[in-house]
PDB file of N, CA and C in Angstrom:
ATOM      1  N   MET A   1       0.822  -1.162  -0.382  1.00  0.00           N
ATOM      2  CA  MET A   1       0.017  -0.199   0.100  1.00  0.00           C
ATOM      3  C   MET A   1       0.535   0.921   0.385  1.00  0.00           C
ATOM      4  N   GLN A   2       0.145   2.409  -0.355  1.00  0.00           N
ATOM      5  CA  GLN A   2       0.709   3.520  -0.462  1.00  0.00           C
ATOM      6  C   GLN A   2       0.783   4.506   0.114  1.00  0.00           C
ATOM      7  N   LEU A   3       0.972   4.522   0.752  1.00  0.00           N
ATOM      8  CA  LEU A   3       1.149   5.649   2.898  1.00  0.00           C
ATOM      9  C   LEU A   3       1.427   7.141   2.145  1.00  0.00           C
ATOM     10  N   LEU A   4       0.398   8.282   2.347  1.00  0.00           N
ATOM     11  CA  LEU A   4       0.653   9.576   2.539  1.00  0.00           C
ATOM     12  C   LEU A   4       0.776  10.073   4.152  1.00  0.00           C
ATOM     13  N   LEU A   5       1.957  10.402   4.375  1.00  0.00           N
ATOM     14  CA  LEU A   5       1.725  10.683   5.591  1.00  0.00           C
ATOM     15  C   LEU A   5       1.107  12.183   5.209  1.00  0.00           C
ATOM     16  N   ASP A   6       0.124  12.834   6.741  1.00  0.00           N
ATOM     17  CA  ASP A   6      -0.297  14.067   6.672  1.00  0.00           C
ATOM     18  C   ASP A   6       1.226  14.893   7.999  1.00  0.00           C
ATOM     19  N   THR A   7       0.970  16.435   7.717  1.00  0.00           N
ATOM     20  CA  THR A   7       2.144  16.616   8.085  1.00  0.00           C
ATOM     21  C   THR A   7       1.869  16.582   9.516  1.00  0.00           C
ATOM     22  N   HIS A   8       1.333  15.952  10.552  1.00  0.00           N
ATOM     23  CA  HIS A   8       1.170  16.018  12.057  1.00  0.00           C
ATOM     24  C   HIS A   8       1.347  14.577  12.589  1.00  0.00           C
ATOM     25  N   ILE A   9       1.166  13.897  10.940  1.00  0.00           N
ATOM     26  CA  ILE A   9       1.081  12.073  11.764  1.00  0.00           C
ATOM     27  C   ILE A   9       3.203  12.129  11.490  1.00  0.00           C
ATOM     28  N   LEU A  10       3.138  12.554  10.624  1.00  0.00           N
ATOM     29  CA  LEU A  10       5.328  13.379  10.629  1.00  0.00           C
ATOM     30  C   LEU A  10       5.755  12.859  11.593  1.00  0.00           C
ATOM     31  N   LEU A  11       5.296  14.205  12.049  1.00  0.00           N
ATOM     32  CA  LEU A  11       6.329  15.116  13.476  1.00  0.00           C
ATOM     33  C   LEU A  11       6.062  14.094  14.294  1.00  0.00           C
ATOM     34  N   TRP A  12       4.631  13.479  15.038  1.00  0.00           N
ATOM     35  CA  TRP A  12       4.696  12.370  15.642  1.00  0.00           C
ATOM     36  C   TRP A  12       4.767  11.427  15.192  1.00  0.00           C
ATOM     37  N   TRP A  13       5.246  10.838  14.652  1.00  0.00           N
ATOM     38  CA  TRP A  13       6.405   9.578  14.096  1.00  0.00           C
ATOM     39  C   TRP A  13       8.322  10.401  14.043  1.00  0.00           C
ATOM     40  N   LEU A  14       8.659  11.234  13.935  1.00  0.00           N
ATOM     41  CA  LEU A  14       9.805  11.474  13.679  1.00  0.00           C
ATOM     42  C   LEU A  14       9.677  12.571  15.638  1.00  0.00           C
ATOM     43  N   GLY A  15       9.062  12.257  16.325  1.00  0.00           N
ATOM     44  CA  GLY A  15       9.329  13.273  17.568  1.00  0.00           C
ATOM     45  C   GLY A  15       9.107  11.455  18.691  1.00  0.00           C
ATOM     46  N   ASP A  16       8.251  10.271  18.130  1.00  0.00           N
ATOM     47  CA  ASP A  16       8.595   9.592  18.947  1.00  0.00           C
ATOM     48  C   ASP A  16       6.919   9.897  19.872  1.00  0.00           C
ATOM     49  N   ASP A  17       5.762  10.366  19.051  1.00  0.00           N
ATOM     50  CA  ASP A  17       5.486  11.239  19.839  1.00  0.00           C
ATOM     51  C   ASP A  17       4.104   9.773  20.505  1.00  0.00           C
ATOM     52  N   PRO A  18       3.723  10.281  21.298  1.00  0.00           N
ATOM     53  CA  PRO A  18       2.215   8.969  22.188  1.00  0.00           C
ATOM     54  C   PRO A  18       1.350   9.118  21.437  1.00  0.00           C
ATOM     55  N   LEU A  19       0.980  10.720  20.745  1.00  0.00           N
ATOM     56  CA  LEU A  19      -0.114  10.857  20.169  1.00  0.00           C
ATOM     57  C   LEU A  19      -0.567   9.709  18.608  1.00  0.00           C
ATOM     58  N   LEU A  20       0.488   9.620  18.554  1.00  0.00           N
ATOM     59  CA  LEU A  20       0.562   8.380  16.981  1.00  0.00           C
ATOM     60  C   LEU A  20       0.344   7.503  17.454  1.00  0.00           C
ATOM     61  N   SER A  21      -1.138   7.577  17.055  1.00  0.00           N
ATOM     62  CA  SER A  21      -1.776   5.636  17.154  1.00  0.00           C
ATOM     63  C   SER A  21      -1.417   4.195  16.808  1.00  0.00           C
ATOM     64  N   VAL A  22      -1.145   3.726  17.960  1.00  0.00           N
ATOM     65  CA  VAL A  22      -0.488   1.991  17.171  1.00  0.00           C
ATOM     66  C   VAL A  22      -1.362   2.089  16.102  1.00  0.00           C
ATOM     67  N   ASP A  23      -2.474   1.847  15.619  1.00  0.00           N
ATOM     68  CA  ASP A  23      -1.985   1.441  14.296  1.00  0.00           C
ATOM     69  C   ASP A  23      -1.763   1.473  13.501  1.00  0.00           C
ATOM     70  N   HIS A  24      -1.455   3.091  13.309  1.00  0.00           N
ATOM     71  CA  HIS A  24      -1.043   3.848  12.674  1.00  0.00           C
ATOM     72  C   HIS A  24       0.362   3.711  12.756  1.00  0.00           C
ATOM     73  N   ARG A  25       1.404   3.925  13.979  1.00  0.00           N
ATOM     74  CA  ARG A  25       3.081   3.267  13.845  1.00  0.00           C
ATOM     75  C   ARG A  25       3.040   1.686  13.061  1.00  0.00           C
ATOM     76  N   ARG A  26       1.781   0.800  13.169  1.00  0.00           N
ATOM     77  CA  ARG A  26       1.968   0.128  12.729  1.00  0.00           C
ATOM     78  C   ARG A  26       2.611  -0.354  11.148  1.00  0.00           C
ATOM     79  N   MET A  27       1.524   0.933  10.436  1.00  0.00           N
ATOM     80  CA  MET A  27       1.359   1.127   8.782  1.00  0.00           C
ATOM     81  C   MET A  27       2.598   1.467   8.409  1.00  0.00           C
ATOM     82  N   ILE A  28       2.972   3.118   8.783  1.00  0.00           N
ATOM     83  CA  ILE A  28       4.008   2.693   8.565  1.00  0.00           C
ATOM     84  C   ILE A  28       6.263   1.816   9.415  1.00  0.00           C
ATOM     85  N   GLN A  29       5.412   1.251  10.280  1.00  0.00           N
ATOM     86  CA  GLN A  29       6.945   0.350  10.232  1.00  0.00           C
ATOM     87  C   GLN A  29       6.665  -0.295   9.338  1.00  0.00           C
ATOM     88  N   ASP A  30       4.844  -1.626   9.219  1.00  0.00           N
ATOM     89  CA  ASP A  30       4.770  -2.171   8.017  1.00  0.00           C
ATOM     90  C   ASP A  30       5.515  -2.435   6.149  1.00  0.00           C
ATOM     91  N   SER A  31       6.751  -2.680   6.175  1.00  0.00           N
ATOM     92  CA  SER A  31       7.881  -3.064   5.017  1.00  0.00           C
ATOM     93  C   SER A  31       6.997  -3.324   3.853  1.00  0.00           C
ATOM     94  N   ARG A  32       5.646  -4.297   3.647  1.00  0.00           N
ATOM     95  CA  ARG A  32       5.313  -3.980   2.833  1.00  0.00           C
ATOM     96  C   ARG A  32       4.443  -2.777   1.840  1.00  0.00           C
ATOM     97  N   ASN A  33       4.325  -1.289   3.620  1.00  0.00           N
ATOM     98  CA  ASN A  33       3.560  -0.211   2.587  1.00  0.00           C
ATOM     99  C   ASN A  33       4.756   0.591   2.451  1.00  0.00           C
ATOM    100  N   ALA A  34       4.999   1.699   1.743  1.00  0.00           N
ATOM    101  CA  ALA A  34       5.537   2.347   0.663  1.00  0.00           C
ATOM    102  C   ALA A  34       5.335   4.021   1.740  1.00  0.00           C
ATOM    103  N   CYS A  35       6.045   4.545   2.093  1.00  0.00           N
ATOM    104  CA  CYS A  35       5.371   6.250   2.806  1.00  0.00           C
ATOM    105  C   CYS A  35       5.842   6.865   2.338  1.00  0.00           C
ATOM    106  N   PHE A  36       5.452   8.596   1.989  1.00  0.00           N
ATOM    107  CA  PHE A  36       5.991   9.604   1.305  1.00  0.00           C
ATOM    108  C   PHE A  36       5.542  10.812   2.285  1.00  0.00           C
ATOM    109  N   ILE A  37       6.805  10.769   2.126  1.00  0.00           N
ATOM    110  CA  ILE A  37       6.132  12.929   2.312  1.00  0.00           C
ATOM    111  C   ILE A  37       6.136  14.142   1.637  1.00  0.00           C
ATOM    112  N   SER A  38       5.025  14.953   1.640  1.00  0.00           N
ATOM    113  CA  SER A  38       5.180  15.214   0.304  1.00  0.00           C
ATOM    114  C   SER A  38       5.791  16.988   0.832  1.00  0.00           C
ATOM    115  N   ALA A  39       5.585  17.725  -0.852  1.00  0.00           N
ATOM    116  CA  ALA A  39       6.821  19.162  -0.100  1.00  0.00           C
ATOM    117  C   ALA A  39       6.270  19.594   0.368  1.00  0.00           C
ATOM    118  N   ALA A  40       4.198  19.480   0.446  1.00  0.00           N
ATOM    119  CA  ALA A  40       3.568  20.427   0.906  1.00  0.00           C
ATOM    120  C   ALA A  40       3.816  20.412   2.681  1.00  0.00           C
ATOM    121  N   SER A  41       4.318  19.101   3.026  1.00  0.00           N
ATOM    122  CA  SER A  41       4.585  19.429   4.565  1.00  0.00           C
ATOM    123  C   SER A  41       5.671  19.306   4.621  1.00  0.00           C
ATOM    124  N   VAL A  42       6.629  19.586   3.981  1.00  0.00           N
ATOM    125  CA  VAL A  42       8.664  20.273   4.666  1.00  0.00           C
ATOM    126  C   VAL A  42       7.979  21.989   3.900  1.00  0.00           C
ATOM    127  N   TRP A  43       7.160  22.098   3.397  1.00  0.00           N
ATOM    128  CA  TRP A  43       7.150  24.045   3.239  1.00  0.00           C
ATOM    129  C   TRP A  43       6.321  24.582   4.512  1.00  0.00           C
ATOM    130  N   GLU A  44       5.039  22.880   4.492  1.00  0.00           N
ATOM    131  CA  GLU A  44       3.777  23.836   6.501  1.00  0.00           C
ATOM    132  C   GLU A  44       4.876  23.907   6.816  1.00  0.00           C
ATOM    133  N   ILE A  45       6.336  22.292   7.008  1.00  0.00           N
ATOM    134  CA  ILE A  45       6.463  22.355   8.755  1.00  0.00           C
ATOM    135  C   ILE A  45       8.009  24.123   8.642  1.00  0.00           C
ATOM    136  N   SER A  46       8.119  24.087   7.109  1.00  0.00           N
ATOM    137  CA  SER A  46       9.066  25.448   7.236  1.00  0.00           C
ATOM    138  C   SER A  46       8.881  26.757   7.411  1.00  0.00           C
ATOM    139  N   ILE A  47       7.354  27.090   7.134  1.00  0.00           N
ATOM    140  CA  ILE A  47       6.469  28.095   7.391  1.00  0.00           C
ATOM    141  C   ILE A  47       6.525  28.093   8.975  1.00  0.00           C
ATOM    142  N   LYS A  48       6.013  26.785   9.915  1.00  0.00           N
ATOM    143  CA  LYS A  48       6.024  27.138  11.121  1.00  0.00           C
ATOM    144  C   LYS A  48       7.168  27.082  11.921  1.00  0.00           C
ATOM    145  N   ARG A  49       8.008  27.088  11.203  1.00  0.00           N
ATOM    146  CA  ARG A  49       9.918  27.347  11.987  1.00  0.00           C
ATOM    147  C   ARG A  49       9.908  28.192  11.790  1.00  0.00           C
ATOM    148  N   SER A  50       9.891  28.907  11.213  1.00  0.00           N
ATOM    149  CA  SER A  50      10.344  30.332  10.665  1.00  0.00           C
ATOM    150  C   SER A  50       9.575  31.352  11.257  1.00  0.00           C
ATOM    151  N   LEU A  51       8.160  30.156  11.842  1.00  0.00           N
ATOM    152  CA  LEU A  51       6.953  32.177  12.771  1.00  0.00           C
ATOM    153  C   LEU A  51       7.269  31.424  14.225  1.00  0.00           C
ATOM    154  N   GLY A  52       8.249  30.669  14.412  1.00  0.00           N
ATOM    155  CA  GLY A  52       8.742  29.945  15.647  1.00  0.00           C
ATOM    156  C   GLY A  52       7.397  29.572  16.343  1.00  0.00           C
ATOM    157  N   LYS A  53       6.572  28.866  15.752  1.00  0.00           N
ATOM    158  CA  LYS A  53       5.123  28.083  15.707  1.00  0.00           C
ATOM    159  C   LYS A  53       5.722  26.262  16.464  1.00  0.00           C
ATOM    160  N   LEU A  54       6.652  25.574  15.879  1.00  0.00           N
ATOM    161  CA  LEU A  54       6.823  24.554  15.955  1.00  0.00           C
ATOM    162  C   LEU A  54       8.952  24.694  16.344  1.00  0.00           C
ATOM    163  N   GLU A  55       8.671  23.365  16.237  1.00  0.00           N
ATOM    164  CA  GLU A  55      10.870  23.424  17.039  1.00  0.00           C
ATOM    165  C   GLU A  55      11.063  21.706  16.535  1.00  0.00           C
ATOM    166  N   ILE A  56      12.040  22.140  15.019  1.00  0.00           N
ATOM    167  CA  ILE A  56      12.619  20.140  14.661  1.00  0.00           C
ATOM    168  C   ILE A  56      13.946  20.596  14.411  1.00  0.00           C
ATOM    169  N   ASP A  57      14.118  20.024  14.799  1.00  0.00           N
ATOM    170  CA  ASP A  57      15.815  19.559  14.055  1.00  0.00           C
ATOM    171  C   ASP A  57      16.327  19.235  13.215  1.00  0.00           C
ATOM    172  N   ASP A  58      17.153  20.470  12.485  1.00  0.00           N
ATOM    173  CA  ASP A  58      17.126  20.439  11.191  1.00  0.00           C
ATOM    174  C   ASP A  58      17.416  19.578  10.160  1.00  0.00           C
ATOM    175  N   GLY A  59      17.501  18.454  11.109  1.00  0.00           N
ATOM    176  CA  GLY A  59      18.591  17.207   9.789  1.00  0.00           C
ATOM    177  C   GLY A  59      17.617  15.940   9.806  1.00  0.00           C
ATOM    178  N   TYR A  60      15.700  17.212   9.630  1.00  0.00           N
ATOM    179  CA  TYR A  60      14.197  16.465   9.881  1.00  0.00           C
ATOM    180  C   TYR A  60      14.344  15.192   8.305  1.00  0.00           C
ATOM    181  N   LEU A  61      14.173  16.054   7.306  1.00  0.00           N
ATOM    182  CA  LEU A  61      14.589  15.009   6.364  1.00  0.00           C
ATOM    183  C   LEU A  61      15.285  13.467   6.205  1.00  0.00           C
ATOM    184  N   GLU A  62      16.695  13.953   6.468  1.00  0.00           N
ATOM    185  CA  GLU A  62      17.656  13.164   6.897  1.00  0.00           C
ATOM    186  C   GLU A  62      17.043  11.657   7.161  1.00  0.00           C
ATOM    187  N   VAL A  63      17.063  12.520   8.578  1.00  0.00           N
ATOM    188  CA  VAL A  63      16.577  11.302   9.402  1.00  0.00           C
ATOM    189  C   VAL A  63      15.202  10.627   8.973  1.00  0.00           C
ATOM    190  N   ALA A  64      14.332  10.430   7.731  1.00  0.00           N
ATOM    191  CA  ALA A  64      13.095  10.870   7.113  1.00  0.00           C
ATOM    192  C   ALA A  64      13.198   9.741   6.268  1.00  0.00           C
ATOM    193  N   ARG A  65      14.004  10.825   4.901  1.00  0.00           N
ATOM    194  CA  ARG A  65      14.622   9.511   4.609  1.00  0.00           C
ATOM    195  C   ARG A  65      15.763   7.948   4.795  1.00  0.00           C
ATOM    196  N   SER A  66      16.348   8.189   5.474  1.00  0.00           N
ATOM    197  CA  SER A  66      17.254   7.376   5.942  1.00  0.00           C
ATOM    198  C   SER A  66      16.466   6.465   7.155  1.00  0.00           C
ATOM    199  N   GLN A  67      15.087   6.541   7.055  1.00  0.00           N
ATOM    200  CA  GLN A  67      13.856   5.499   7.587  1.00  0.00           C
ATOM    201  C   GLN A  67      12.645   4.555   6.229  1.00  0.00           C
ATOM    202  N   GLY A  68      13.532   6.067   5.321  1.00  0.00           N
ATOM    203  CA  GLY A  68      12.730   4.702   4.190  1.00  0.00           C
ATOM    204  C   GLY A  68      11.397   5.551   4.221  1.00  0.00           C
ATOM    205  N   PHE A  69      11.677   6.511   4.442  1.00  0.00           N
ATOM    206  CA  PHE A  69      10.318   7.807   2.821  1.00  0.00           C
ATOM    207  C   PHE A  69      10.891   8.169   1.716  1.00  0.00           C
ATOM    208  N   ILE A  70       9.938   8.655   1.561  1.00  0.00           N
ATOM    209  CA  ILE A  70       9.923   8.586  -0.206  1.00  0.00           C
ATOM    210  C   ILE A  70       9.120  10.384  -0.221  1.00  0.00           C
ATOM    211  N   GLU A  71      10.044  11.485  -1.077  1.00  0.00           N
ATOM    212  CA  GLU A  71       9.782  12.701  -1.511  1.00  0.00           C
ATOM    213  C   GLU A  71       8.823  12.174  -2.291  1.00  0.00           C
ATOM    214  N   LEU A  72       7.337  13.062  -2.217  1.00  0.00           N
ATOM    215  CA  LEU A  72       6.568  13.854  -2.902  1.00  0.00           C
ATOM    216  C   LEU A  72       5.978  14.681  -3.251  1.00  0.00           C
ATOM    217  N   PRO A  73       6.419  15.508  -4.958  1.00  0.00           N
ATOM    218  CA  PRO A  73       6.767  16.388  -5.003  1.00  0.00           C
ATOM    219  C   PRO A  73       4.948  17.508  -5.265  1.00  0.00           C
ATOM    220  N   ILE A  74       5.205  18.429  -5.203  1.00  0.00           N
ATOM    221  CA  ILE A  74       4.226  18.654  -6.521  1.00  0.00           C
ATOM    222  C   ILE A  74       3.627  18.672  -7.838  1.00  0.00           C
ATOM    223  N   ARG A  75       3.079  18.496  -8.349  1.00  0.00           N
ATOM    224  CA  ARG A  75       3.261  17.882 -10.083  1.00  0.00           C
ATOM    225  C   ARG A  75       2.500  19.003  -9.994  1.00  0.00           C
ATOM    226  N   TRP A  76       1.962  19.897 -11.024  1.00  0.00           N
ATOM    227  CA  TRP A  76       1.176  20.695 -12.892  1.00  0.00           C
ATOM    228  C   TRP A  76      -0.705  19.896 -11.875  1.00  0.00           C
ATOM    229  N   ASN A  77      -0.483  18.426 -11.484  1.00  0.00           N
ATOM    230  CA  ASN A  77      -2.024  17.856 -11.826  1.00  0.00           C
ATOM    231  C   ASN A  77      -2.789  17.750 -10.384  1.00  0.00           C
ATOM    232  N   HIS A  78      -1.355  17.531  -9.376  1.00  0.00           N
ATOM    233  CA  HIS A  78      -1.739  17.467  -7.627  1.00  0.00           C
ATOM    234  C   HIS A  78      -2.339  19.004  -7.623  1.00  0.00           C
ATOM    235  N   ALA A  79      -1.245  20.624  -7.932  1.00  0.00           N
ATOM    236  CA  ALA A  79      -2.648  21.371  -7.434  1.00  0.00           C
ATOM    237  C   ALA A  79      -4.218  21.537  -8.975  1.00  0.00           C
ATOM    238  N   GLU A  80      -3.664  21.427  -9.675  1.00  0.00           N
ATOM    239  CA  GLU A  80      -4.861  22.005 -10.772  1.00  0.00           C
ATOM    240  C   GLU A  80      -6.396  20.824 -10.455  1.00  0.00           C
ATOM    241  N   MET A  81      -5.333  19.636  -9.284  1.00  0.00           N
ATOM    242  CA  MET A  81      -6.683  19.057  -8.613  1.00  0.00           C
ATOM    243  C   MET A  81      -6.844  20.111  -7.555  1.00  0.00           C
ATOM    244  N   VAL A  82      -7.055  20.948  -6.693  1.00  0.00           N
ATOM    245  CA  VAL A  82      -7.230  21.197  -5.910  1.00  0.00           C
ATOM    246  C   VAL A  82      -8.467  22.156  -5.400  1.00  0.00           C
ATOM    247  N   LYS A  83      -8.005  22.603  -7.165  1.00  0.00           N
ATOM    248  CA  LYS A  83      -8.936  23.674  -7.300  1.00  0.00           C
ATOM    249  C   LYS A  83     -10.460  22.669  -7.469  1.00  0.00           C
ATOM    250  N   THR A  84     -11.143  21.258  -7.068  1.00  0.00           N
ATOM    251  CA  THR A  84     -11.922  20.860  -8.115  1.00  0.00           C
ATOM    252  C   THR A  84     -12.335  20.296  -6.637  1.00  0.00           C
ATOM    253  N   LEU A  85     -11.941  20.624  -5.351  1.00  0.00           N
ATOM    254  CA  LEU A  85     -11.903  19.727  -3.696  1.00  0.00           C
ATOM    255  C   LEU A  85     -13.316  20.435  -3.492  1.00  0.00           C
ATOM    256  N   PRO A  86     -14.035  19.765  -2.646  1.00  0.00           N
ATOM    257  CA  PRO A  86     -15.306  20.775  -2.304  1.00  0.00           C
ATOM    258  C   PRO A  86     -15.174  22.105  -0.628  1.00  0.00           C
ATOM    259  N   GLU A  87     -15.104  22.569  -0.336  1.00  0.00           N
ATOM    260  CA  GLU A  87     -14.784  23.198  -0.013  1.00  0.00           C
ATOM    261  C   GLU A  87     -14.823  22.921   2.200  1.00  0.00           C
ATOM    262  N   HIS A  88     -14.160  20.894   2.344  1.00  0.00           N
ATOM    263  CA  HIS A  88     -14.538  21.080   3.682  1.00  0.00           C
ATOM    264  C   HIS A  88     -12.998  21.740   4.290  1.00  0.00           C
ATOM    265  N   HIS A  89     -12.341  21.716   3.930  1.00  0.00           N
ATOM    266  CA  HIS A  89     -10.706  22.219   5.305  1.00  0.00           C
ATOM    267  C   HIS A  89     -10.051  23.132   4.154  1.00  0.00           C
ATOM    268  N   ARG A  90      -9.834  24.423   4.546  1.00  0.00           N
ATOM    269  CA  ARG A  90      -9.972  25.522   4.110  1.00  0.00           C
ATOM    270  C   ARG A  90      -7.648  25.797   4.297  1.00  0.00           C
ATOM    271  N   ASP A  91      -7.632  24.799   5.324  1.00  0.00           N
ATOM    272  CA  ASP A  91      -5.786  24.208   5.038  1.00  0.00           C
ATOM    273  C   ASP A  91      -5.273  24.007   3.964  1.00  0.00           C
ATOM    274  N   PRO A  92      -5.056  25.596   3.387  1.00  0.00           N
ATOM    275  CA  PRO A  92      -3.966  25.322   1.337  1.00  0.00           C
ATOM    276  C   PRO A  92      -2.790  23.770   1.392  1.00  0.00           C
ATOM    277  N   PHE A  93      -2.025  23.229   3.517  1.00  0.00           N
ATOM    278  CA  PHE A  93      -1.465  22.513   2.428  1.00  0.00           C
ATOM    279  C   PHE A  93      -2.303  21.385   3.102  1.00  0.00           C
ATOM    280  N   ASP A  94      -3.721  21.088   3.814  1.00  0.00           N
ATOM    281  CA  ASP A  94      -4.308  19.849   3.541  1.00  0.00           C
ATOM    282  C   ASP A  94      -4.955  20.072   2.244  1.00  0.00           C
ATOM    283  N   ARG A  95      -5.047  20.744   2.295  1.00  0.00           N
ATOM    284  CA  ARG A  95      -6.003  20.401   0.934  1.00  0.00           C
ATOM    285  C   ARG A  95      -5.437  19.804  -0.457  1.00  0.00           C
ATOM    286  N   MET A  96      -3.944  20.650  -0.371  1.00  0.00           N
ATOM    287  CA  MET A  96      -3.118  19.741  -1.326  1.00  0.00           C
ATOM    288  C   MET A  96      -2.576  17.621  -1.271  1.00  0.00           C
ATOM    289  N   LEU A  97      -2.359  17.690   0.370  1.00  0.00           N
ATOM    290  CA  LEU A  97      -2.703  16.625   0.365  1.00  0.00           C
ATOM    291  C   LEU A  97      -3.537  15.242  -0.235  1.00  0.00           C
ATOM    292  N   VAL A  98      -4.993  16.068   0.248  1.00  0.00           N
ATOM    293  CA  VAL A  98      -5.532  14.707  -0.019  1.00  0.00           C
ATOM    294  C   VAL A  98      -5.878  15.567  -2.095  1.00  0.00           C
ATOM    295  N   ALA A  99      -5.479  16.561  -2.386  1.00  0.00           N
ATOM    296  CA  ALA A  99      -5.913  16.153  -3.807  1.00  0.00           C
ATOM    297  C   ALA A  99      -3.904  15.243  -4.396  1.00  0.00           C
ATOM    298  N   GLN A 100      -3.174  15.497  -3.928  1.00  0.00           N
ATOM    299  CA  GLN A 100      -1.942  14.123  -3.355  1.00  0.00           C
ATOM    300  C   GLN A 100      -2.243  12.852  -3.500  1.00  0.00           C
ATOM    301  N   ALA A 101      -3.059  12.801  -2.409  1.00  0.00           N
ATOM    302  CA  ALA A 101      -3.313  11.467  -2.231  1.00  0.00           C
ATOM    303  C   ALA A 101      -4.313  10.814  -3.315  1.00  0.00           C
ATOM    304  N   VAL A 102      -5.333  11.518  -3.802  1.00  0.00           N
ATOM    305  CA  VAL A 102      -6.624  11.322  -4.559  1.00  0.00           C
ATOM    306  C   VAL A 102      -5.275  10.808  -6.097  1.00  0.00           C
ATOM    307  N   ALA A 103      -4.528  11.611  -6.511  1.00  0.00           N
ATOM    308  CA  ALA A 103      -4.408  11.908  -7.889  1.00  0.00           C
ATOM    309  C   ALA A 103      -2.928  10.775  -8.156  1.00  0.00           C
ATOM    310  N   GLU A 104      -2.770  10.137  -6.902  1.00  0.00           N
ATOM    311  CA  GLU A 104      -1.515   9.157  -6.851  1.00  0.00           C
ATOM    312  C   GLU A 104      -1.641   8.217  -5.840  1.00  0.00           C
ATOM    313  N   GLU A 105      -3.588   7.670  -5.798  1.00  0.00           N
ATOM    314  CA  GLU A 105      -4.463   6.335  -5.075  1.00  0.00           C
ATOM    315  C   GLU A 105      -2.966   6.346  -4.488  1.00  0.00           C
ATOM    316  N   MET A 106      -3.253   6.685  -2.693  1.00  0.00           N
ATOM    317  CA  MET A 106      -2.689   6.884  -1.893  1.00  0.00           C
ATOM    318  C   MET A 106      -3.890   6.493  -0.896  1.00  0.00           C
ATOM    319  N   THR A 107      -3.294   5.995   0.629  1.00  0.00           N
ATOM    320  CA  THR A 107      -3.647   6.298   1.139  1.00  0.00           C
ATOM    321  C   THR A 107      -3.744   8.021   1.999  1.00  0.00           C
ATOM    322  N   LEU A 108      -4.648   9.325   2.792  1.00  0.00           N
ATOM    323  CA  LEU A 108      -3.732   9.698   3.558  1.00  0.00           C
ATOM    324  C   LEU A 108      -3.384   9.111   4.801  1.00  0.00           C
ATOM    325  N   LEU A 109      -2.281   8.829   5.338  1.00  0.00           N
ATOM    326  CA  LEU A 109      -2.656   8.806   6.765  1.00  0.00           C
ATOM    327  C   LEU A 109      -3.237   9.293   7.211  1.00  0.00           C
ATOM    328  N   THR A 110      -3.780  10.156   8.754  1.00  0.00           N
ATOM    329  CA  THR A 110      -4.172  11.070   9.222  1.00  0.00           C
ATOM    330  C   THR A 110      -5.113  11.202   9.563  1.00  0.00           C
ATOM    331  N   VAL A 111      -5.705  12.275  11.352  1.00  0.00           N
ATOM    332  CA  VAL A 111      -6.561  12.078  12.855  1.00  0.00           C
ATOM    333  C   VAL A 111      -7.874  13.437  12.161  1.00  0.00           C
ATOM    334  N   ASP A 112      -6.818  13.963  10.963  1.00  0.00           N
ATOM    335  CA  ASP A 112      -8.354  15.234  10.455  1.00  0.00           C
ATOM    336  C   ASP A 112      -8.943  15.221   9.784  1.00  0.00           C
ATOM    337  N   GLN A 113     -10.692  15.472  10.874  1.00  0.00           N
ATOM    338  CA  GLN A 113     -12.093  15.084  10.517  1.00  0.00           C
ATOM    339  C   GLN A 113     -12.425  16.131   9.468  1.00  0.00           C
ATOM    340  N   ASN A 114     -11.670  16.605   9.360  1.00  0.00           N
ATOM    341  CA  ASN A 114     -12.072  17.400   7.988  1.00  0.00           C
ATOM    342  C   ASN A 114     -11.764  17.116   6.647  1.00  0.00           C
ATOM    343  N   ILE A 115     -10.841  16.016   7.152  1.00  0.00           N
ATOM    344  CA  ILE A 115      -9.524  15.105   5.813  1.00  0.00           C
ATOM    345  C   ILE A 115     -11.273  14.454   5.369  1.00  0.00           C
ATOM    346  N   ARG A 116     -11.531  13.835   6.420  1.00  0.00           N
ATOM    347  CA  ARG A 116     -12.118  12.485   6.227  1.00  0.00           C
ATOM    348  C   ARG A 116     -13.639  12.524   5.318  1.00  0.00           C
ATOM    349  N   LYS A 117     -14.374  14.180   5.237  1.00  0.00           N
ATOM    350  CA  LYS A 117     -14.352  14.330   4.459  1.00  0.00           C
ATOM    351  C   LYS A 117     -14.971  14.265   3.330  1.00  0.00           C
ATOM    352  N   TYR A 118     -13.951  14.418   2.987  1.00  0.00           N
ATOM    353  CA  TYR A 118     -13.457  14.161   0.669  1.00  0.00           C
ATOM    354  C   TYR A 118     -13.529  12.869   0.754  1.00  0.00           C
ATOM    355  N   GLU A 119     -13.485  12.460  -0.690  1.00  0.00           N
ATOM    356  CA  GLU A 119     -13.440  10.936  -1.662  1.00  0.00           C
ATOM    357  C   GLU A 119     -12.023  10.815  -1.242  1.00  0.00           C
ATOM    358  N   VAL A 120     -11.391  10.758  -0.342  1.00  0.00           N
ATOM    359  CA  VAL A 120     -10.505  10.035  -0.242  1.00  0.00           C
ATOM    360  C   VAL A 120      -9.983   9.191   0.321  1.00  0.00           C
ATOM    361  N   ARG A 121      -8.907   7.724  -0.396  1.00  0.00           N
ATOM    362  CA  ARG A 121      -8.151   6.725   0.820  1.00  0.00           C
ATOM    363  C   ARG A 121      -7.953   7.380   2.414  1.00  0.00           C
ATOM    364  N   VAL A 122      -8.064   7.405   3.456  1.00  0.00           N
ATOM    365  CA  VAL A 122      -8.128   7.538   4.784  1.00  0.00           C
ATOM    366  C   VAL A 122      -7.373   6.202   5.933  1.00  0.00           C
ATOM    367  N   GLY A 123      -6.032   6.457   6.747  1.00  0.00           N
ATOM    368  CA  GLY A 123      -6.079   5.713   7.604  1.00  0.00           C
ATOM    369  C   GLY A 123      -6.042   6.138   8.885  1.00  0.00           C
TER     370      GLY A 123
END
């Protein structure tokens, strides 16, 4: 299965946060699954860091890469798909993650209830 991690899931994983559910942890650890991190999440983390709203080590992307996470760039079709999404969510980063998950036929790991309103596979 191809999994796309919502930003909070990524942060919880990297921080070994107890907020990460047992089910999500198992899905990420399952070697049969390919786990992706969107450029949108990296962008969101960068903005929050620059505003002082988030602290994370500079090497977090290298850590993620060493753990087998795969980079998912934002492509034109992802950006175009955002315009077709209903307004269930106003957060542009989450809307991009939904568009990417739909376009790439991935399961989006999240606990965000608004994302579950979209026609996207969620875990």
